Amino acid sequence: MSARRDPSGRRQAIVEAAADLIVESASTDLTHRRVAERAQVPLGATTYYFATLADLTTAALHHLAELADEALREMEGYLAAGGGAPAAVARSLSDYLADPRRVQADSALYFAGAQHSELRPLALRWFDGMTRILSAHTDPEAARAVAVYADGAMMHALVHDEPLDMAAITRAVTALMGAAPAASTTPGRDR
């Protein structure tokens, strides 16, 4: 079906194109022209569906937030299957940090929320969702501490060539969740 006959498909293509541009440029500074080119639609289509760039940007950020919600649902299932053990939390966080596109998308939400208070609820969805998920496996204070650590690890991943390694993430998550550390393999060494 052509885009002309599928207005909701055309609108969705415009939103996804805008979201891609936000993620790639790490900025919410969009233009109708750039979005139209990315979506492969006439320039007039972007202004038809979104009268202002603010409307288009907000729709794109909502799309990114929905993608974050999907990732949180995946994490929730993974952690449930792993019994919420710190190792499962660390593996899930490590997998997330190894996906630069997801990290950039979530950071775009954070930056938008920091710049525009009306967008802050979108930025907080990841943190609040992670805290809720982790609270099923540890106390709420520890869940918040792990979520704060995840935020910091996300920022670290943005500015370094590679994210934190699995061992570092596991040590931090284990400590934050208050779980007993793995037994030392060094003879005569007390923990």
N, C-alpha and C. Protein backbone atom coordinates (compact mmCIF):
# COMPACT_ATOMS: atom_id res chain seq x y z
N MET A 1 0.85 -1.18 0.00
CA MET A 1 0.00 0.00 0.00
C MET A 1 0.90 1.24 0.00
N SER A 2 0.59 2.20 -0.82
CA SER A 2 1.42 3.40 -0.89
C SER A 2 1.19 4.26 0.34
N ALA A 3 2.20 5.09 0.61
CA ALA A 3 2.10 5.97 1.77
C ALA A 3 0.91 6.91 1.64
N ARG A 4 0.58 7.27 0.39
CA ARG A 4 -0.55 8.17 0.15
C ARG A 4 -1.84 7.53 0.67
N ARG A 5 -1.94 6.21 0.56
CA ARG A 5 -3.15 5.52 0.99
C ARG A 5 -3.06 5.06 2.44
N ASP A 6 -1.95 5.31 3.08
CA ASP A 6 -1.76 4.87 4.46
C ASP A 6 -1.28 6.05 5.31
N PRO A 7 -2.21 6.94 5.67
CA PRO A 7 -1.79 8.13 6.42
C PRO A 7 -1.14 7.81 7.76
N SER A 8 -1.63 6.78 8.46
CA SER A 8 -1.01 6.46 9.75
C SER A 8 0.40 5.90 9.53
N GLY A 9 0.61 5.17 8.44
CA GLY A 9 1.94 4.67 8.11
C GLY A 9 2.90 5.80 7.77
N ARG A 10 2.39 6.80 7.06
CA ARG A 10 3.22 7.95 6.71
C ARG A 10 3.58 8.73 7.97
N ARG A 11 2.60 8.94 8.83
CA ARG A 11 2.86 9.66 10.08
C ARG A 11 3.90 8.90 10.91
N GLN A 12 3.76 7.58 10.99
CA GLN A 12 4.70 6.77 11.76
C GLN A 12 6.10 6.85 11.15
N ALA A 13 6.20 6.84 9.83
CA ALA A 13 7.51 6.96 9.17
C ALA A 13 8.17 8.29 9.51
N ILE A 14 7.37 9.34 9.58
CA ILE A 14 7.90 10.66 9.94
C ILE A 14 8.39 10.65 11.38
N VAL A 15 7.61 10.08 12.28
CA VAL A 15 8.01 10.01 13.71
C VAL A 15 9.29 9.21 13.85
N GLU A 16 9.37 8.06 13.20
CA GLU A 16 10.56 7.22 13.30
C GLU A 16 11.78 7.92 12.70
N ALA A 17 11.60 8.62 11.61
CA ALA A 17 12.71 9.37 11.01
C ALA A 17 13.20 10.45 11.96
N ALA A 18 12.27 11.16 12.58
CA ALA A 18 12.65 12.19 13.54
C ALA A 18 13.38 11.58 14.73
N ALA A 19 12.90 10.46 15.21
CA ALA A 19 13.55 9.78 16.34
C ALA A 19 14.96 9.36 15.95
N ASP A 20 15.12 8.81 14.75
CA ASP A 20 16.45 8.41 14.29
C ASP A 20 17.41 9.60 14.24
N LEU A 21 16.92 10.72 13.75
CA LEU A 21 17.77 11.91 13.68
C LEU A 21 18.15 12.42 15.06
N ILE A 22 17.23 12.35 16.00
CA ILE A 22 17.53 12.77 17.37
C ILE A 22 18.61 11.87 17.96
N VAL A 23 18.48 10.58 17.76
CA VAL A 23 19.46 9.64 18.30
C VAL A 23 20.83 9.85 17.65
N GLU A 24 20.85 9.97 16.34
CA GLU A 24 22.11 10.11 15.62
C GLU A 24 22.83 11.41 15.92
N SER A 25 22.08 12.49 16.09
CA SER A 25 22.70 13.79 16.29
C SER A 25 22.84 14.17 17.77
N ALA A 26 22.24 13.36 18.65
CA ALA A 26 22.24 13.66 20.09
C ALA A 26 21.67 15.05 20.35
N SER A 27 20.69 15.43 19.54
CA SER A 27 20.09 16.75 19.65
C SER A 27 18.63 16.68 19.22
N THR A 28 17.83 17.51 19.84
CA THR A 28 16.43 17.61 19.43
C THR A 28 16.21 18.73 18.42
N ASP A 29 17.30 19.26 17.88
CA ASP A 29 17.20 20.32 16.87
C ASP A 29 16.89 19.69 15.51
N LEU A 30 15.61 19.56 15.23
CA LEU A 30 15.16 18.98 13.97
C LEU A 30 14.75 20.08 13.01
N THR A 31 14.71 19.72 11.74
CA THR A 31 14.08 20.58 10.75
C THR A 31 13.08 19.71 9.98
N HIS A 32 12.03 20.34 9.51
CA HIS A 32 11.04 19.60 8.72
C HIS A 32 11.72 18.99 7.48
N ARG A 33 12.63 19.73 6.89
CA ARG A 33 13.30 19.27 5.67
C ARG A 33 14.12 18.00 5.93
N ARG A 34 14.93 18.00 6.98
CA ARG A 34 15.76 16.82 7.28
C ARG A 34 14.89 15.61 7.60
N VAL A 35 13.82 15.82 8.33
CA VAL A 35 12.93 14.71 8.67
C VAL A 35 12.25 14.18 7.42
N ALA A 36 11.78 15.07 6.56
CA ALA A 36 11.12 14.65 5.32
C ALA A 36 12.08 13.84 4.44
N GLU A 37 13.32 14.31 4.35
CA GLU A 37 14.30 13.57 3.56
C GLU A 37 14.53 12.18 4.13
N ARG A 38 14.68 12.09 5.45
CA ARG A 38 14.92 10.79 6.10
C ARG A 38 13.71 9.87 5.92
N ALA A 39 12.52 10.41 6.06
CA ALA A 39 11.30 9.60 5.96
C ALA A 39 10.92 9.32 4.50
N GLN A 40 11.59 9.99 3.59
CA GLN A 40 11.30 9.86 2.16
C GLN A 40 9.84 10.22 1.85
N VAL A 41 9.46 11.38 2.37
CA VAL A 41 8.13 11.92 2.13
C VAL A 41 8.29 13.36 1.66
N PRO A 42 7.28 13.91 1.00
CA PRO A 42 7.36 15.32 0.61
C PRO A 42 7.44 16.22 1.85
N LEU A 43 8.12 17.32 1.73
CA LEU A 43 8.27 18.25 2.83
C LEU A 43 6.92 18.63 3.44
N GLY A 44 5.93 18.83 2.60
CA GLY A 44 4.61 19.21 3.10
C GLY A 44 3.97 18.17 4.00
N ALA A 45 4.39 16.92 3.88
CA ALA A 45 3.82 15.87 4.73
C ALA A 45 4.19 16.07 6.19
N THR A 46 5.42 16.52 6.44
CA THR A 46 5.82 16.71 7.83
C THR A 46 5.03 17.84 8.48
N THR A 47 4.80 18.90 7.73
CA THR A 47 4.03 20.01 8.30
C THR A 47 2.53 19.71 8.33
N TYR A 48 2.08 18.80 7.49
CA TYR A 48 0.68 18.38 7.52
C TYR A 48 0.39 17.63 8.82
N TYR A 49 1.27 16.71 9.18
CA TYR A 49 1.04 15.89 10.37
C TYR A 49 1.50 16.58 11.65
N PHE A 50 2.48 17.48 11.53
CA PHE A 50 3.04 18.15 12.70
C PHE A 50 3.20 19.62 12.38
N ALA A 51 2.30 20.42 12.90
CA ALA A 51 2.29 21.85 12.59
C ALA A 51 3.56 22.54 13.06
N THR A 52 4.12 22.07 14.16
CA THR A 52 5.34 22.70 14.67
C THR A 52 6.43 21.66 14.87
N LEU A 53 7.65 22.14 14.91
CA LEU A 53 8.77 21.24 15.19
C LEU A 53 8.69 20.70 16.61
N ALA A 54 8.14 21.50 17.51
CA ALA A 54 7.98 21.03 18.90
C ALA A 54 7.04 19.81 18.93
N ASP A 55 5.96 19.85 18.16
CA ASP A 55 5.05 18.71 18.10
C ASP A 55 5.75 17.48 17.54
N LEU A 56 6.53 17.68 16.50
CA LEU A 56 7.26 16.57 15.88
C LEU A 56 8.31 16.01 16.83
N THR A 57 9.03 16.87 17.49
CA THR A 57 10.05 16.43 18.45
C THR A 57 9.41 15.66 19.59
N THR A 58 8.31 16.15 20.10
CA THR A 58 7.63 15.46 21.20
C THR A 58 7.16 14.08 20.76
N ALA A 59 6.61 13.98 19.56
CA ALA A 59 6.16 12.68 19.05
C ALA A 59 7.34 11.73 18.90
N ALA A 60 8.47 12.23 18.43
CA ALA A 60 9.66 11.39 18.27
C ALA A 60 10.18 10.92 19.63
N LEU A 61 10.16 11.80 20.62
CA LEU A 61 10.62 11.42 21.97
C LEU A 61 9.66 10.42 22.60
N HIS A 62 8.37 10.57 22.36
CA HIS A 62 7.40 9.56 22.83
C HIS A 62 7.70 8.20 22.20
N HIS A 63 8.05 8.21 20.94
CA HIS A 63 8.42 6.97 20.26
C HIS A 63 9.64 6.33 20.93
N LEU A 64 10.65 7.13 21.23
CA LEU A 64 11.84 6.61 21.90
C LEU A 64 11.50 6.08 23.28
N ALA A 65 10.59 6.74 23.99
CA ALA A 65 10.17 6.27 25.31
C ALA A 65 9.44 4.93 25.21
N GLU A 66 8.65 4.76 24.16
CA GLU A 66 7.96 3.49 23.95
C GLU A 66 8.96 2.36 23.68
N LEU A 67 10.03 2.68 22.95
CA LEU A 67 11.08 1.69 22.71
C LEU A 67 11.78 1.33 24.02
N ALA A 68 11.99 2.33 24.88
CA ALA A 68 12.59 2.06 26.19
C ALA A 68 11.67 1.18 27.03
N ASP A 69 10.36 1.42 26.93
CA ASP A 69 9.40 0.58 27.66
C ASP A 69 9.48 -0.87 27.19
N GLU A 70 9.64 -1.07 25.88
CA GLU A 70 9.78 -2.44 25.36
C GLU A 70 11.04 -3.09 25.92
N ALA A 71 12.13 -2.34 25.97
CA ALA A 71 13.38 -2.88 26.51
C ALA A 71 13.22 -3.22 27.99
N LEU A 72 12.47 -2.41 28.72
CA LEU A 72 12.23 -2.71 30.13
C LEU A 72 11.40 -3.99 30.30
N ARG A 73 10.43 -4.20 29.42
CA ARG A 73 9.65 -5.44 29.49
C ARG A 73 10.54 -6.66 29.23
N GLU A 74 11.45 -6.53 28.28
CA GLU A 74 12.40 -7.62 28.02
C GLU A 74 13.27 -7.86 29.25
N MET A 75 13.76 -6.78 29.85
CA MET A 75 14.59 -6.91 31.04
C MET A 75 13.81 -7.58 32.16
N GLU A 76 12.57 -7.18 32.33
CA GLU A 76 11.74 -7.76 33.39
C GLU A 76 11.61 -9.27 33.22
N GLY A 77 11.38 -9.72 32.00
CA GLY A 77 11.28 -11.15 31.74
C GLY A 77 12.60 -11.86 31.98
N TYR A 78 13.69 -11.25 31.55
CA TYR A 78 15.01 -11.84 31.74
C TYR A 78 15.34 -11.97 33.23
N LEU A 79 15.04 -10.91 33.99
CA LEU A 79 15.35 -10.95 35.43
C LEU A 79 14.46 -11.94 36.15
N ALA A 80 13.21 -12.04 35.75
CA ALA A 80 12.32 -13.03 36.38
C ALA A 80 12.85 -14.43 36.13
N ALA A 81 13.30 -14.68 34.90
CA ALA A 81 13.84 -16.00 34.58
C ALA A 81 15.12 -16.28 35.36
N GLY A 82 15.87 -15.24 35.66
CA GLY A 82 17.12 -15.39 36.42
C GLY A 82 16.93 -15.24 37.92
N GLY A 83 15.68 -15.20 38.36
CA GLY A 83 15.40 -15.09 39.79
C GLY A 83 15.81 -13.76 40.40
N GLY A 84 16.09 -12.77 39.56
CA GLY A 84 16.47 -11.45 40.07
C GLY A 84 17.84 -11.41 40.70
N ALA A 85 18.63 -12.44 40.47
CA ALA A 85 19.98 -12.50 41.03
C ALA A 85 20.83 -11.36 40.48
N PRO A 86 21.76 -10.85 41.28
CA PRO A 86 22.63 -9.78 40.80
C PRO A 86 23.32 -10.12 39.48
N ALA A 87 23.68 -11.37 39.27
CA ALA A 87 24.34 -11.76 38.02
C ALA A 87 23.39 -11.55 36.83
N ALA A 88 22.10 -11.83 37.02
CA ALA A 88 21.13 -11.63 35.95
C ALA A 88 20.93 -10.13 35.70
N VAL A 89 20.89 -9.36 36.76
CA VAL A 89 20.76 -7.90 36.61
C VAL A 89 21.98 -7.36 35.87
N ALA A 90 23.16 -7.81 36.27
CA ALA A 90 24.40 -7.34 35.64
C ALA A 90 24.44 -7.74 34.17
N ARG A 91 24.03 -8.95 33.84
CA ARG A 91 24.03 -9.40 32.44
C ARG A 91 23.07 -8.54 31.61
N SER A 92 21.91 -8.29 32.16
CA SER A 92 20.93 -7.47 31.45
C SER A 92 21.46 -6.06 31.23
N LEU A 93 22.07 -5.48 32.24
CA LEU A 93 22.64 -4.14 32.13
C LEU A 93 23.81 -4.13 31.15
N SER A 94 24.64 -5.14 31.20
CA SER A 94 25.77 -5.24 30.28
C SER A 94 25.29 -5.33 28.83
N ASP A 95 24.27 -6.15 28.59
CA ASP A 95 23.71 -6.27 27.24
C ASP A 95 23.17 -4.93 26.76
N TYR A 96 22.49 -4.22 27.64
CA TYR A 96 21.95 -2.90 27.30
C TYR A 96 23.09 -1.93 26.94
N LEU A 97 24.12 -1.89 27.77
CA LEU A 97 25.22 -0.96 27.54
C LEU A 97 26.02 -1.29 26.29
N ALA A 98 25.97 -2.53 25.85
CA ALA A 98 26.69 -2.95 24.65
C ALA A 98 25.97 -2.55 23.37
N ASP A 99 24.77 -1.99 23.49
CA ASP A 99 23.99 -1.58 22.33
C ASP A 99 24.02 -0.05 22.24
N PRO A 100 24.99 0.51 21.49
CA PRO A 100 25.14 1.97 21.45
C PRO A 100 23.88 2.70 21.02
N ARG A 101 23.12 2.13 20.13
CA ARG A 101 21.89 2.79 19.65
C ARG A 101 20.89 2.96 20.79
N ARG A 102 20.71 1.93 21.60
CA ARG A 102 19.79 2.03 22.74
C ARG A 102 20.29 3.04 23.75
N VAL A 103 21.57 3.02 24.02
CA VAL A 103 22.15 3.96 24.98
C VAL A 103 21.96 5.39 24.47
N GLN A 104 22.22 5.62 23.19
CA GLN A 104 22.04 6.96 22.63
C GLN A 104 20.58 7.40 22.66
N ALA A 105 19.67 6.48 22.40
CA ALA A 105 18.24 6.81 22.42
C ALA A 105 17.81 7.20 23.83
N ASP A 106 18.22 6.42 24.81
CA ASP A 106 17.82 6.74 26.18
C ASP A 106 18.48 8.01 26.68
N SER A 107 19.72 8.25 26.28
CA SER A 107 20.36 9.50 26.69
C SER A 107 19.68 10.70 26.04
N ALA A 108 19.18 10.53 24.82
CA ALA A 108 18.45 11.62 24.17
C ALA A 108 17.22 11.99 24.98
N LEU A 109 16.55 10.98 25.53
CA LEU A 109 15.39 11.25 26.40
C LEU A 109 15.82 12.01 27.65
N TYR A 110 16.93 11.60 28.24
CA TYR A 110 17.42 12.27 29.45
C TYR A 110 17.76 13.73 29.16
N PHE A 111 18.48 13.95 28.07
CA PHE A 111 18.89 15.32 27.75
C PHE A 111 17.67 16.19 27.45
N ALA A 112 16.70 15.64 26.75
CA ALA A 112 15.48 16.40 26.45
C ALA A 112 14.74 16.72 27.74
N GLY A 113 14.67 15.76 28.65
CA GLY A 113 14.01 15.98 29.93
C GLY A 113 14.73 17.01 30.79
N ALA A 114 16.05 17.03 30.69
CA ALA A 114 16.83 18.01 31.45
C ALA A 114 16.63 19.42 30.90
N GLN A 115 16.43 19.54 29.59
CA GLN A 115 16.27 20.84 28.96
C GLN A 115 14.84 21.36 29.00
N HIS A 116 13.87 20.44 29.02
CA HIS A 116 12.46 20.83 28.94
C HIS A 116 11.67 20.08 30.00
N SER A 117 11.27 20.77 31.03
CA SER A 117 10.61 20.12 32.17
C SER A 117 9.35 19.36 31.76
N GLU A 118 8.66 19.79 30.73
CA GLU A 118 7.45 19.09 30.31
C GLU A 118 7.76 17.71 29.71
N LEU A 119 9.03 17.50 29.32
CA LEU A 119 9.45 16.20 28.78
C LEU A 119 10.08 15.30 29.84
N ARG A 120 10.24 15.82 31.04
CA ARG A 120 10.90 15.06 32.10
C ARG A 120 10.23 13.71 32.38
N PRO A 121 8.90 13.61 32.36
CA PRO A 121 8.29 12.29 32.59
C PRO A 121 8.75 11.23 31.58
N LEU A 122 9.00 11.63 30.34
CA LEU A 122 9.52 10.68 29.35
C LEU A 122 10.91 10.20 29.74
N ALA A 123 11.73 11.14 30.21
CA ALA A 123 13.10 10.80 30.61
C ALA A 123 13.11 9.88 31.82
N LEU A 124 12.17 10.07 32.71
CA LEU A 124 12.15 9.28 33.95
C LEU A 124 11.54 7.89 33.78
N ARG A 125 10.93 7.61 32.64
CA ARG A 125 10.30 6.30 32.45
C ARG A 125 11.30 5.16 32.58
N TRP A 126 12.50 5.32 32.03
CA TRP A 126 13.51 4.26 32.12
C TRP A 126 13.93 4.06 33.58
N PHE A 127 14.29 5.13 34.25
CA PHE A 127 14.73 5.03 35.65
C PHE A 127 13.62 4.46 36.53
N ASP A 128 12.43 5.01 36.41
CA ASP A 128 11.31 4.54 37.23
C ASP A 128 10.96 3.09 36.92
N GLY A 129 11.00 2.73 35.64
CA GLY A 129 10.71 1.36 35.25
C GLY A 129 11.74 0.39 35.78
N MET A 130 13.01 0.76 35.68
CA MET A 130 14.07 -0.10 36.19
C MET A 130 13.94 -0.26 37.70
N THR A 131 13.65 0.82 38.39
CA THR A 131 13.48 0.75 39.84
C THR A 131 12.32 -0.17 40.21
N ARG A 132 11.23 -0.05 39.49
CA ARG A 132 10.07 -0.92 39.74
C ARG A 132 10.42 -2.38 39.52
N ILE A 133 11.08 -2.67 38.42
CA ILE A 133 11.44 -4.05 38.09
C ILE A 133 12.39 -4.62 39.15
N LEU A 134 13.39 -3.86 39.51
CA LEU A 134 14.37 -4.34 40.49
C LEU A 134 13.77 -4.48 41.88
N SER A 135 12.77 -3.67 42.19
CA SER A 135 12.14 -3.74 43.52
C SER A 135 11.44 -5.08 43.75
N ALA A 136 11.16 -5.80 42.69
CA ALA A 136 10.59 -7.14 42.84
C ALA A 136 11.65 -8.14 43.30
N HIS A 137 12.94 -7.75 43.23
CA HIS A 137 14.03 -8.68 43.54
C HIS A 137 14.94 -8.20 44.66
N THR A 138 14.77 -6.96 45.10
CA THR A 138 15.58 -6.41 46.17
C THR A 138 14.78 -5.30 46.83
N ASP A 139 15.31 -4.73 47.89
CA ASP A 139 14.54 -3.67 48.56
C ASP A 139 14.55 -2.40 47.69
N PRO A 140 13.56 -1.53 47.87
CA PRO A 140 13.42 -0.34 47.01
C PRO A 140 14.66 0.57 47.01
N GLU A 141 15.32 0.70 48.15
CA GLU A 141 16.51 1.54 48.22
C GLU A 141 17.63 0.96 47.34
N ALA A 142 17.83 -0.34 47.41
CA ALA A 142 18.84 -0.98 46.57
C ALA A 142 18.45 -0.88 45.10
N ALA A 143 17.17 -1.02 44.81
CA ALA A 143 16.70 -0.91 43.43
C ALA A 143 17.01 0.48 42.87
N ARG A 144 16.76 1.51 43.66
CA ARG A 144 17.08 2.87 43.21
C ARG A 144 18.59 3.05 43.02
N ALA A 145 19.37 2.47 43.92
CA ALA A 145 20.84 2.58 43.81
C ALA A 145 21.34 1.93 42.52
N VAL A 146 20.79 0.78 42.17
CA VAL A 146 21.20 0.12 40.92
C VAL A 146 20.75 0.95 39.72
N ALA A 147 19.56 1.53 39.79
CA ALA A 147 19.09 2.37 38.69
C ALA A 147 19.97 3.61 38.52
N VAL A 148 20.39 4.21 39.63
CA VAL A 148 21.30 5.36 39.56
C VAL A 148 22.64 4.91 38.96
N TYR A 149 23.14 3.76 39.39
CA TYR A 149 24.38 3.22 38.81
C TYR A 149 24.21 3.00 37.31
N ALA A 150 23.07 2.46 36.90
CA ALA A 150 22.81 2.22 35.47
C ALA A 150 22.83 3.54 34.70
N ASP A 151 22.27 4.60 35.29
CA ASP A 151 22.32 5.91 34.63
C ASP A 151 23.76 6.36 34.43
N GLY A 152 24.57 6.21 35.47
CA GLY A 152 25.98 6.59 35.37
C GLY A 152 26.73 5.73 34.37
N ALA A 153 26.42 4.43 34.36
CA ALA A 153 27.06 3.53 33.40
C ALA A 153 26.65 3.90 31.97
N MET A 154 25.42 4.37 31.80
CA MET A 154 24.97 4.81 30.49
C MET A 154 25.79 6.03 30.04
N MET A 155 25.99 6.99 30.94
CA MET A 155 26.78 8.17 30.59
C MET A 155 28.22 7.76 30.27
N HIS A 156 28.75 6.83 31.05
CA HIS A 156 30.10 6.32 30.80
C HIS A 156 30.18 5.71 29.41
N ALA A 157 29.20 4.91 29.05
CA ALA A 157 29.19 4.27 27.74
C ALA A 157 29.11 5.29 26.60
N LEU A 158 28.46 6.41 26.85
CA LEU A 158 28.33 7.44 25.81
C LEU A 158 29.67 8.09 25.46
N VAL A 159 30.55 8.23 26.44
CA VAL A 159 31.78 8.98 26.20
C VAL A 159 33.03 8.13 26.13
N HIS A 160 32.90 6.83 26.31
CA HIS A 160 34.05 5.92 26.18
C HIS A 160 33.86 5.03 24.96
N ASP A 161 34.94 4.51 24.49
CA ASP A 161 34.87 3.66 23.30
C ASP A 161 34.13 2.35 23.56
N GLU A 162 34.15 1.89 24.78
CA GLU A 162 33.41 0.68 25.11
C GLU A 162 32.82 0.81 26.50
N PRO A 163 31.71 0.11 26.74
CA PRO A 163 31.08 0.20 28.05
C PRO A 163 31.91 -0.52 29.11
N LEU A 164 31.50 -0.36 30.34
CA LEU A 164 32.13 -1.08 31.44
C LEU A 164 32.10 -2.57 31.17
N ASP A 165 33.11 -3.28 31.66
CA ASP A 165 33.14 -4.72 31.42
C ASP A 165 32.20 -5.44 32.38
N MET A 166 31.85 -6.65 32.01
CA MET A 166 30.88 -7.44 32.76
C MET A 166 31.30 -7.64 34.22
N ALA A 167 32.58 -7.88 34.46
CA ALA A 167 33.05 -8.11 35.83
C ALA A 167 32.82 -6.87 36.71
N ALA A 168 33.12 -5.68 36.17
CA ALA A 168 32.92 -4.44 36.93
C ALA A 168 31.43 -4.22 37.21
N ILE A 169 30.60 -4.46 36.21
CA ILE A 169 29.16 -4.29 36.40
C ILE A 169 28.64 -5.28 37.44
N THR A 170 29.09 -6.51 37.37
CA THR A 170 28.64 -7.53 38.33
C THR A 170 29.04 -7.16 39.75
N ARG A 171 30.28 -6.72 39.93
CA ARG A 171 30.73 -6.32 41.28
C ARG A 171 29.87 -5.18 41.81
N ALA A 172 29.63 -4.18 40.99
CA ALA A 172 28.86 -3.02 41.43
C ALA A 172 27.42 -3.39 41.75
N VAL A 173 26.78 -4.13 40.86
CA VAL A 173 25.38 -4.51 41.07
C VAL A 173 25.25 -5.40 42.30
N THR A 174 26.17 -6.33 42.47
CA THR A 174 26.14 -7.22 43.64
C THR A 174 26.26 -6.40 44.92
N ALA A 175 27.18 -5.46 44.94
CA ALA A 175 27.35 -4.62 46.13
C ALA A 175 26.11 -3.76 46.38
N LEU A 176 25.58 -3.18 45.33
CA LEU A 176 24.42 -2.30 45.49
C LEU A 176 23.16 -3.06 45.92
N MET A 177 23.04 -4.29 45.46
CA MET A 177 21.87 -5.08 45.84
C MET A 177 22.04 -5.73 47.22
N GLY A 178 23.25 -5.56 47.80
CA GLY A 178 23.47 -6.09 49.14
C GLY A 178 23.63 -7.59 49.17
N ALA A 179 23.95 -8.18 48.03
CA ALA A 179 24.13 -9.64 47.98
C ALA A 179 25.54 -9.97 48.44
N ALA A 180 25.67 -11.17 48.95
CA ALA A 180 26.98 -11.62 49.38
C ALA A 180 27.87 -11.78 48.15
N PRO A 181 29.10 -11.29 48.23
CA PRO A 181 30.00 -11.45 47.09
C PRO A 181 30.41 -12.90 46.93
N ALA A 182 30.86 -13.22 45.73
CA ALA A 182 31.35 -14.58 45.47
C ALA A 182 32.54 -14.86 46.37
N ALA A 183 32.70 -16.09 46.77
CA ALA A 183 33.80 -16.47 47.65
C ALA A 183 35.13 -16.18 46.96
N SER A 184 36.06 -15.74 47.73
CA SER A 184 37.39 -15.44 47.21
C SER A 184 38.09 -16.73 46.84
N THR A 185 38.85 -16.69 45.75
CA THR A 185 39.62 -17.86 45.36
C THR A 185 41.05 -17.77 45.85
N THR A 186 41.36 -16.68 46.56
CA THR A 186 42.70 -16.51 47.10
C THR A 186 42.75 -17.12 48.49
N PRO A 187 43.57 -18.19 48.70
CA PRO A 187 43.64 -18.83 50.01
C PRO A 187 44.09 -17.86 51.08
N GLY A 188 43.51 -17.99 52.27
CA GLY A 188 43.89 -17.20 53.41
C GLY A 188 43.45 -15.75 53.36
N ARG A 189 42.65 -15.40 52.41
CA ARG A 189 42.21 -14.00 52.31
C ARG A 189 40.80 -13.89 52.84
N ASP A 190 40.60 -13.06 53.84
CA ASP A 190 39.27 -12.83 54.41
C ASP A 190 38.56 -11.75 53.63
N ARG A 191 37.26 -11.88 53.60
CA ARG A 191 36.42 -10.87 52.93
C ARG A 191 35.74 -10.03 53.90
